[in-house]
Structure formats: structure tokens, C-alpha cells
């Protein structure tokens, strides 16, 4: 799928370590980040690589679109875009969600990917 379609569908892999030869042998984590938090996600990925950890960064361009297309596909019994975005081989990998919004916005991804998930975001007005 081309990048334009991925953006419109709700997300794409911004930093992808899956092609590295030792990818499945090393610790790995997925960060689902959105908006202004992408820079922090990329920095975290860089810092983790110094410790031998692969941190993939998935840019969530629309949490709403990801959620609604997932729910619609589930009701119809068909695969959703999230099945393409995060294939079965990547399920079960611990994940973090990071956005400048309420942490529960993407917390539902933990159940979908069948992995521990730490949702990070802001809860109170004026919080940074």
C-alpha cells in the first residue's frame, strides 16, 4: 500500500527495524505515536538502539479512523487495516502509545495486539 493510502487509513511505520537480520532475536518494542510526540518517539527509538533494543515507531495519523475501521471490520468478520499495519508476526510485542492527548485514546490497541501496553498522554488541562 502506498504511503498516501496508509496516511489516510490511519497510520504507517515511520521507523521500521523489521528488515534487520537479527530483528527477531533481539528485544523489541512498538511505539504508536501521534502528532507532536513523534520526535520524542524517534528519540526514544534512538536511545533504545544504544542498548540493543529495536523500537519501531508507528505514526498514528488518525486514531479515530483506525478504531472505526477496526470495529467495522470486526462486525463484518473481515480483516481491518490494522491487520496490514501490524501483521501477526508483530503481535505480542510490548507497545507504548504516546500522544498529546488522553492516554486512553489508543489504549485499546493493547488488547488488539495481544501485548502489554503502556498508554502515555495528558490527563489534565495544561499538563505537558
Protein backbone atom coordinates (compact mmCIF):
# COMPACT_ATOMS: atom_id res chain seq x y z
CA UNK A 1 0.00 0.00 0.00
CA UNK A 2 1.40 3.41 -0.89
CA UNK A 3 2.24 5.94 1.81
CA UNK A 4 -0.66 8.22 0.89
CA UNK A 5 -3.18 5.41 1.44
CA UNK A 6 -1.51 4.43 4.70
CA UNK A 7 -1.72 8.01 5.97
CA UNK A 8 -5.39 8.20 5.05
CA UNK A 9 -6.08 4.76 6.58
CA UNK A 10 -4.76 5.91 9.95
CA UNK A 11 -1.08 5.09 10.27
CA UNK A 12 2.24 3.91 8.87
CA UNK A 13 5.64 2.67 10.02
CA UNK A 14 7.88 5.69 10.44
CA UNK A 15 10.82 3.73 11.88
CA UNK A 16 10.88 0.09 10.87
CA UNK A 17 13.58 -2.32 12.03
CA UNK A 18 11.92 -5.47 10.68
CA UNK A 19 14.43 -5.88 7.83
CA UNK A 20 17.41 -6.12 10.18
CA UNK A 21 18.92 -9.64 10.13
CA UNK A 22 18.79 -10.11 13.92
CA UNK A 23 15.39 -8.47 14.39
CA UNK A 24 13.58 -11.49 15.85
CA UNK A 25 16.48 -12.36 18.15
CA UNK A 26 16.70 -9.00 19.93
CA UNK A 27 14.31 -7.29 22.33
CA UNK A 28 11.82 -5.09 20.52
CA UNK A 29 9.04 -2.64 21.28
CA UNK A 30 6.48 -0.76 19.21
CA UNK A 31 5.70 2.89 19.87
CA UNK A 32 2.42 4.14 18.42
CA UNK A 33 2.84 7.92 18.40
CA UNK A 34 0.90 10.83 17.02
CA UNK A 35 1.45 14.47 16.18
CA UNK A 36 3.97 16.49 18.13
CA UNK A 37 5.05 13.42 20.09
CA UNK A 38 6.69 11.79 17.06
CA UNK A 39 10.02 13.49 17.73
CA UNK A 40 10.10 12.09 21.27
CA UNK A 41 9.22 8.64 19.95
CA UNK A 42 12.08 8.78 17.45
CA UNK A 43 14.49 9.93 20.15
CA UNK A 44 13.39 7.06 22.39
CA UNK A 45 13.98 4.68 19.50
CA UNK A 46 17.50 6.07 19.03
CA UNK A 47 18.28 5.79 22.74
CA UNK A 48 16.98 2.22 22.96
CA UNK A 49 19.08 1.16 19.98
CA UNK A 50 22.17 2.08 22.02
CA UNK A 51 21.07 -0.69 24.42
CA UNK A 52 20.43 -3.21 21.66
CA UNK A 53 16.65 -2.80 21.64
CA UNK A 54 14.73 -2.32 18.41
CA UNK A 55 11.99 0.26 18.85
CA UNK A 56 9.70 0.60 15.86
CA UNK A 57 7.76 3.86 15.59
CA UNK A 58 4.31 3.76 14.04
CA UNK A 59 2.87 7.16 13.17
CA UNK A 60 -0.82 7.16 14.03
CA UNK A 61 -2.30 9.71 11.66
CA UNK A 62 -5.90 9.08 12.79
CA UNK A 63 -6.75 7.17 15.96
CA UNK A 64 -10.42 7.64 15.07
CA UNK A 65 -10.08 6.09 11.63
CA UNK A 66 -8.03 3.16 12.95
CA UNK A 67 -10.61 2.45 15.64
CA UNK A 68 -13.72 2.78 13.49
CA UNK A 69 -12.37 0.71 10.60
CA UNK A 70 -11.28 -1.96 13.09
CA UNK A 71 -14.73 -2.07 14.69
CA UNK A 72 -16.49 -2.18 11.31
CA UNK A 73 -14.24 -4.97 10.06
CA UNK A 74 -14.74 -6.93 13.28
CA UNK A 75 -18.51 -6.70 12.92
CA UNK A 76 -18.29 -7.91 9.33
CA UNK A 77 -15.77 -10.63 10.15
CA UNK A 78 -13.22 -9.24 7.72
CA UNK A 79 -9.61 -8.12 8.21
CA UNK A 80 -9.06 -4.46 9.05
CA UNK A 81 -6.29 -2.10 8.05
CA UNK A 82 -4.69 -2.81 11.43
CA UNK A 83 -4.12 -6.40 10.28
CA UNK A 84 -1.97 -4.97 7.49
CA UNK A 85 -0.37 -2.31 9.68
CA UNK A 86 0.60 -4.77 12.41
CA UNK A 87 0.84 -8.27 10.96
CA UNK A 88 0.54 -11.39 13.12
CA UNK A 89 4.33 -11.70 13.45
CA UNK A 90 4.37 -8.34 15.28
CA UNK A 91 1.57 -9.16 17.71
CA UNK A 92 2.59 -9.89 21.27
CA UNK A 93 5.42 -7.35 21.15
CA UNK A 94 5.20 -4.88 24.06
CA UNK A 95 3.96 -1.47 23.00
CA UNK A 96 3.72 2.13 24.12
CA UNK A 97 1.22 4.70 22.91
CA UNK A 98 2.36 8.29 23.00
CA UNK A 99 0.24 11.28 22.10
CA UNK A 100 -0.55 14.83 23.07
CA UNK A 101 -4.00 13.79 24.20
CA UNK A 102 -5.71 11.45 26.62
CA UNK A 103 -3.74 8.22 27.07
CA UNK A 104 -6.85 6.07 26.67
CA UNK A 105 -7.26 7.26 23.07
CA UNK A 106 -5.00 4.44 21.87
CA UNK A 107 -5.07 2.14 24.91
CA UNK A 108 -7.44 -0.26 23.10
CA UNK A 109 -4.51 -1.28 20.88
CA UNK A 110 -3.09 -3.41 23.71
CA UNK A 111 -5.99 -5.85 23.52
CA UNK A 112 -5.87 -5.93 19.75
CA UNK A 113 -2.17 -6.70 19.52
CA UNK A 114 -2.32 -9.10 22.48
CA UNK A 115 0.61 -7.44 24.21
CA UNK A 116 1.44 -5.40 27.29
CA UNK A 117 0.81 -1.75 26.51
CA UNK A 118 1.70 1.43 28.39
CA UNK A 119 -0.50 4.36 27.28
CA UNK A 120 1.13 7.76 27.74
CA UNK A 121 -0.57 11.11 27.27
CA UNK A 122 -2.03 14.06 29.13
CA UNK A 123 -4.94 13.77 31.53
CA UNK A 124 -5.38 17.29 32.91
CA UNK A 125 -5.72 20.64 31.17
CA UNK A 126 -2.36 22.42 30.93
CA UNK A 127 -0.36 19.25 31.51
CA UNK A 128 2.74 18.71 29.39
